[in-house]
Amino acid sequence: MSAPIGFPADVQYVGFWARTGAALIDSVLLLMIIAPLLYWLYGPEYFSAPEGIAGPADLLLNWVFPALAVIAFWIYRQATPGKMVIGARIVDARTAQAPSTGQLIGRYFGYYVSMIPLCLGLLWVALDARKQGWHDKLAGTVVIRDRK
């Protein structure tokens, strides 16, 4: 499939496995920050307690902080640390320019939509010509190799 008008003709879309590797890097980095804080706040029993939210700090550290961190990296760098490691960045699917803040917030919440049906929306990256997951399609973004 050719790139849209105004899009670089030689664009390289980033595929499923590279994006999975980037997500693993991001997850490990978040875990290295969040787990010690949860241990410090709730003690070792937190990690063996039944599912559920242990308190306000738990909610903030496990849900709010990751969302804010990811969206902030997307806004200021067009990539999370994992995407930076693999040389990828998120761009608007029509213009190849930086996406708007609204697009990026929508993209984040689009991850939840993509995960609901057995993660099919995430696996879609492997099947799509432009390597877009459902979250990308909903937000109008693509992930490309950085030319820098």
C-alpha atoms as a PDB file:
ATOM      1  CA  MET A   1       0.000   0.000   0.000  1.00  0.00           C
ATOM      2  CA  SER A   2       1.365   3.393  -0.906  1.00  0.00           C
ATOM      3  CA  ALA A   3       1.703   6.198   1.593  1.00  0.00           C
ATOM      4  CA  PRO A   4      -0.939   8.947   1.671  1.00  0.00           C
ATOM      5  CA  ILE A   5      -0.306  12.186  -0.244  1.00  0.00           C
ATOM      6  CA  GLY A   6       2.167  14.329   1.679  1.00  0.00           C
ATOM      7  CA  PHE A   7       3.545  11.280   3.474  1.00  0.00           C
ATOM      8  CA  PRO A   8       7.180  10.282   2.807  1.00  0.00           C
ATOM      9  CA  ALA A   9       7.193   7.715  -0.010  1.00  0.00           C
ATOM     10  CA  ASP A  10       9.920   5.637   1.631  1.00  0.00           C
ATOM     11  CA  VAL A  11       8.280   5.495   5.061  1.00  0.00           C
ATOM     12  CA  GLN A  12       8.910   2.340   7.069  1.00  0.00           C
ATOM     13  CA  TYR A  13       6.078   1.289   9.351  1.00  0.00           C
ATOM     14  CA  VAL A  14       7.084  -0.440  12.579  1.00  0.00           C
ATOM     15  CA  GLY A  15       5.662  -3.932  12.904  1.00  0.00           C
ATOM     16  CA  PHE A  16       4.241  -6.121  15.614  1.00  0.00           C
ATOM     17  CA  TRP A  17       7.393  -7.683  17.086  1.00  0.00           C
ATOM     18  CA  ALA A  18       9.393  -4.451  17.261  1.00  0.00           C
ATOM     19  CA  ARG A  19       6.462  -2.724  18.949  1.00  0.00           C
ATOM     20  CA  THR A  20       6.062  -5.659  21.342  1.00  0.00           C
ATOM     21  CA  GLY A  21       9.737  -5.308  22.282  1.00  0.00           C
ATOM     22  CA  ALA A  22       9.270  -1.575  22.861  1.00  0.00           C
ATOM     23  CA  ALA A  23       6.239  -2.257  25.066  1.00  0.00           C
ATOM     24  CA  LEU A  24       8.262  -4.749  27.124  1.00  0.00           C
ATOM     25  CA  ILE A  25      11.010  -2.179  27.648  1.00  0.00           C
ATOM     26  CA  ASP A  26       8.431   0.388  28.763  1.00  0.00           C
ATOM     27  CA  SER A  27       6.767  -2.116  31.094  1.00  0.00           C
ATOM     28  CA  VAL A  28      10.067  -3.019  32.774  1.00  0.00           C
ATOM     29  CA  LEU A  29      10.951   0.654  33.228  1.00  0.00           C
ATOM     30  CA  LEU A  30       7.555   1.404  34.790  1.00  0.00           C
ATOM     31  CA  LEU A  31       7.857  -1.665  37.022  1.00  0.00           C
ATOM     32  CA  MET A  32      11.279  -0.495  38.230  1.00  0.00           C
ATOM     33  CA  ILE A  33       9.682   2.769  39.368  1.00  0.00           C
ATOM     34  CA  ILE A  34       6.304   1.576  40.628  1.00  0.00           C
ATOM     35  CA  ALA A  35       7.138  -1.696  42.439  1.00  0.00           C
ATOM     36  CA  PRO A  36       9.585  -0.183  44.963  1.00  0.00           C
ATOM     37  CA  LEU A  37       7.129   2.621  45.734  1.00  0.00           C
ATOM     38  CA  LEU A  38       4.309   0.132  46.303  1.00  0.00           C
ATOM     39  CA  TYR A  39       6.600  -1.964  48.509  1.00  0.00           C
ATOM     40  CA  TRP A  40       7.585   1.119  50.514  1.00  0.00           C
ATOM     41  CA  LEU A  41       3.975   2.276  50.904  1.00  0.00           C
ATOM     42  CA  TYR A  42       2.178  -1.048  51.470  1.00  0.00           C
ATOM     43  CA  GLY A  43       4.882  -3.521  52.477  1.00  0.00           C
ATOM     44  CA  PRO A  44       5.640  -6.970  51.062  1.00  0.00           C
ATOM     45  CA  GLU A  45       2.106  -8.234  51.718  1.00  0.00           C
ATOM     46  CA  TYR A  46       0.867  -5.965  48.901  1.00  0.00           C
ATOM     47  CA  PHE A  47       2.350  -8.338  46.332  1.00  0.00           C
ATOM     48  CA  SER A  48       0.587 -11.409  47.740  1.00  0.00           C
ATOM     49  CA  ALA A  49      -2.745  -9.736  48.539  1.00  0.00           C
ATOM     50  CA  PRO A  50      -5.859 -10.603  46.554  1.00  0.00           C
ATOM     51  CA  GLU A  51      -6.690  -8.521  43.477  1.00  0.00           C
ATOM     52  CA  GLY A  52      -8.145  -5.078  44.023  1.00  0.00           C
ATOM     53  CA  ILE A  53      -6.996  -1.580  44.747  1.00  0.00           C
ATOM     54  CA  ALA A  54      -5.167  -1.346  48.067  1.00  0.00           C
ATOM     55  CA  GLY A  55      -5.646   2.399  48.444  1.00  0.00           C
ATOM     56  CA  PRO A  56      -5.317   5.766  46.763  1.00  0.00           C
ATOM     57  CA  ALA A  57      -1.559   5.436  46.190  1.00  0.00           C
ATOM     58  CA  ASP A  58      -2.150   2.067  44.521  1.00  0.00           C
ATOM     59  CA  LEU A  59      -4.668   3.652  42.137  1.00  0.00           C
ATOM     60  CA  LEU A  60      -2.357   6.558  41.380  1.00  0.00           C
ATOM     61  CA  LEU A  61       0.767   4.448  40.863  1.00  0.00           C
ATOM     62  CA  ASN A  62      -0.806   1.646  38.823  1.00  0.00           C
ATOM     63  CA  TRP A  63      -3.315   3.571  36.707  1.00  0.00           C
ATOM     64  CA  VAL A  64      -2.840   7.334  36.740  1.00  0.00           C
ATOM     65  CA  PHE A  65       0.974   7.612  36.729  1.00  0.00           C
ATOM     66  CA  PRO A  66       1.521   5.202  33.791  1.00  0.00           C
ATOM     67  CA  ALA A  67      -1.151   6.961  31.712  1.00  0.00           C
ATOM     68  CA  LEU A  68       0.311  10.401  32.398  1.00  0.00           C
ATOM     69  CA  ALA A  69       3.888   9.225  31.807  1.00  0.00           C
ATOM     70  CA  VAL A  70       3.103   7.514  28.507  1.00  0.00           C
ATOM     71  CA  ILE A  71       1.019  10.406  27.178  1.00  0.00           C
ATOM     72  CA  ALA A  72       3.678  12.938  28.273  1.00  0.00           C
ATOM     73  CA  PHE A  73       6.406  11.000  26.434  1.00  0.00           C
ATOM     74  CA  TRP A  74       4.188  10.811  23.357  1.00  0.00           C
ATOM     75  CA  ILE A  75       3.517  14.561  23.456  1.00  0.00           C
ATOM     76  CA  TYR A  76       7.107  15.672  24.027  1.00  0.00           C
ATOM     77  CA  ARG A  77       9.080  12.945  22.206  1.00  0.00           C
ATOM     78  CA  GLN A  78       6.499  11.212  19.965  1.00  0.00           C
ATOM     79  CA  ALA A  79       7.688   7.997  21.565  1.00  0.00           C
ATOM     80  CA  THR A  80       8.060   6.195  24.862  1.00  0.00           C
ATOM     81  CA  PRO A  81      11.556   5.125  25.956  1.00  0.00           C
ATOM     82  CA  GLY A  82      10.942   1.686  24.411  1.00  0.00           C
ATOM     83  CA  LYS A  83      10.018   3.199  21.053  1.00  0.00           C
ATOM     84  CA  MET A  84      13.069   5.468  21.251  1.00  0.00           C
ATOM     85  CA  VAL A  85      15.306   2.411  21.754  1.00  0.00           C
ATOM     86  CA  ILE A  86      13.955   0.790  18.574  1.00  0.00           C
ATOM     87  CA  GLY A  87      14.076   4.071  16.636  1.00  0.00           C
ATOM     88  CA  ALA A  88      10.327   4.519  16.246  1.00  0.00           C
ATOM     89  CA  ARG A  89       7.955   7.429  16.662  1.00  0.00           C
ATOM     90  CA  ILE A  90       4.235   8.087  16.480  1.00  0.00           C
ATOM     91  CA  VAL A  91       2.988  10.394  13.733  1.00  0.00           C
ATOM     92  CA  ASP A  92      -0.324  11.552  12.315  1.00  0.00           C
ATOM     93  CA  ALA A  93      -1.452   8.995   9.729  1.00  0.00           C
ATOM     94  CA  ARG A  94      -2.377  11.658   7.148  1.00  0.00           C
ATOM     95  CA  THR A  95       0.444  14.190   7.453  1.00  0.00           C
ATOM     96  CA  ALA A  96       3.414  12.357   9.062  1.00  0.00           C
ATOM     97  CA  GLN A  97       3.608  15.304  11.487  1.00  0.00           C
ATOM     98  CA  ALA A  98       3.366  15.163  15.268  1.00  0.00           C
ATOM     99  CA  PRO A  99      -0.114  14.062  16.379  1.00  0.00           C
ATOM    100  CA  SER A 100      -2.273  16.431  18.407  1.00  0.00           C
ATOM    101  CA  THR A 101      -2.591  16.010  22.155  1.00  0.00           C
ATOM    102  CA  GLY A 102      -6.201  14.911  21.614  1.00  0.00           C
ATOM    103  CA  GLN A 103      -5.084  12.206  19.185  1.00  0.00           C
ATOM    104  CA  LEU A 104      -2.540  10.924  21.683  1.00  0.00           C
ATOM    105  CA  ILE A 105      -5.003  10.840  24.578  1.00  0.00           C
ATOM    106  CA  GLY A 106      -7.464   9.012  22.319  1.00  0.00           C
ATOM    107  CA  ARG A 107      -4.700   6.621  21.274  1.00  0.00           C
ATOM    108  CA  TYR A 108      -3.983   5.764  24.908  1.00  0.00           C
ATOM    109  CA  PHE A 109      -7.615   4.981  25.688  1.00  0.00           C
ATOM    110  CA  GLY A 110      -7.807   3.144  22.357  1.00  0.00           C
ATOM    111  CA  TYR A 111      -5.457   0.568  23.863  1.00  0.00           C
ATOM    112  CA  TYR A 112      -8.291  -0.519  26.158  1.00  0.00           C
ATOM    113  CA  VAL A 113     -10.641  -0.876  23.192  1.00  0.00           C
ATOM    114  CA  SER A 114      -7.940  -2.891  21.409  1.00  0.00           C
ATOM    115  CA  MET A 115      -7.529  -5.251  24.381  1.00  0.00           C
ATOM    116  CA  ILE A 116     -11.184  -6.012  25.081  1.00  0.00           C
ATOM    117  CA  PRO A 117     -11.713  -8.628  22.361  1.00  0.00           C
ATOM    118  CA  LEU A 118      -8.821 -10.962  23.311  1.00  0.00           C
ATOM    119  CA  CYS A 119      -6.246  -8.299  22.359  1.00  0.00           C
ATOM    120  CA  LEU A 120      -7.286  -8.584  18.713  1.00  0.00           C
ATOM    121  CA  GLY A 121      -6.852  -4.837  18.251  1.00  0.00           C
ATOM    122  CA  LEU A 122      -3.199  -5.111  19.275  1.00  0.00           C
ATOM    123  CA  LEU A 123      -2.578  -8.206  17.166  1.00  0.00           C
ATOM    124  CA  TRP A 124      -4.034  -6.271  14.220  1.00  0.00           C
ATOM    125  CA  VAL A 125      -0.637  -4.571  13.871  1.00  0.00           C
ATOM    126  CA  ALA A 126       0.698  -7.841  12.430  1.00  0.00           C
ATOM    127  CA  LEU A 127      -2.062  -7.983   9.782  1.00  0.00           C
ATOM    128  CA  ASP A 128      -2.459  -4.359   8.697  1.00  0.00           C
ATOM    129  CA  ALA A 129      -0.651  -2.941   5.648  1.00  0.00           C
ATOM    130  CA  ARG A 130       0.341   0.204   7.582  1.00  0.00           C
ATOM    131  CA  LYS A 131       0.974  -1.769  10.804  1.00  0.00           C
ATOM    132  CA  GLN A 132      -1.835   0.054  12.608  1.00  0.00           C
ATOM    133  CA  GLY A 133      -3.500  -1.408  15.658  1.00  0.00           C
ATOM    134  CA  TRP A 134      -7.068  -0.431  16.409  1.00  0.00           C
ATOM    135  CA  HIS A 135      -5.770   2.224  18.806  1.00  0.00           C
ATOM    136  CA  ASP A 136      -3.821   3.738  15.891  1.00  0.00           C
ATOM    137  CA  LYS A 137      -6.813   3.603  13.578  1.00  0.00           C
ATOM    138  CA  LEU A 138      -9.073   5.213  16.185  1.00  0.00           C
ATOM    139  CA  ALA A 139      -6.558   8.009  16.814  1.00  0.00           C
ATOM    140  CA  GLY A 140      -5.421   8.465  13.210  1.00  0.00           C
ATOM    141  CA  THR A 141      -1.785   7.622  13.960  1.00  0.00           C
ATOM    142  CA  VAL A 142       0.933   5.319  12.647  1.00  0.00           C
ATOM    143  CA  VAL A 143       4.261   4.234  14.122  1.00  0.00           C
ATOM    144  CA  ILE A 144       7.206   4.747  11.774  1.00  0.00           C
ATOM    145  CA  ARG A 145      10.980   4.378  11.868  1.00  0.00           C
ATOM    146  CA  ASP A 146      12.629   7.595  12.941  1.00  0.00           C
ATOM    147  CA  ARG A 147      14.869   9.098  10.268  1.00  0.00           C
ATOM    148  CA  LYS A 148      17.043  11.034  12.719  1.00  0.00           C
END
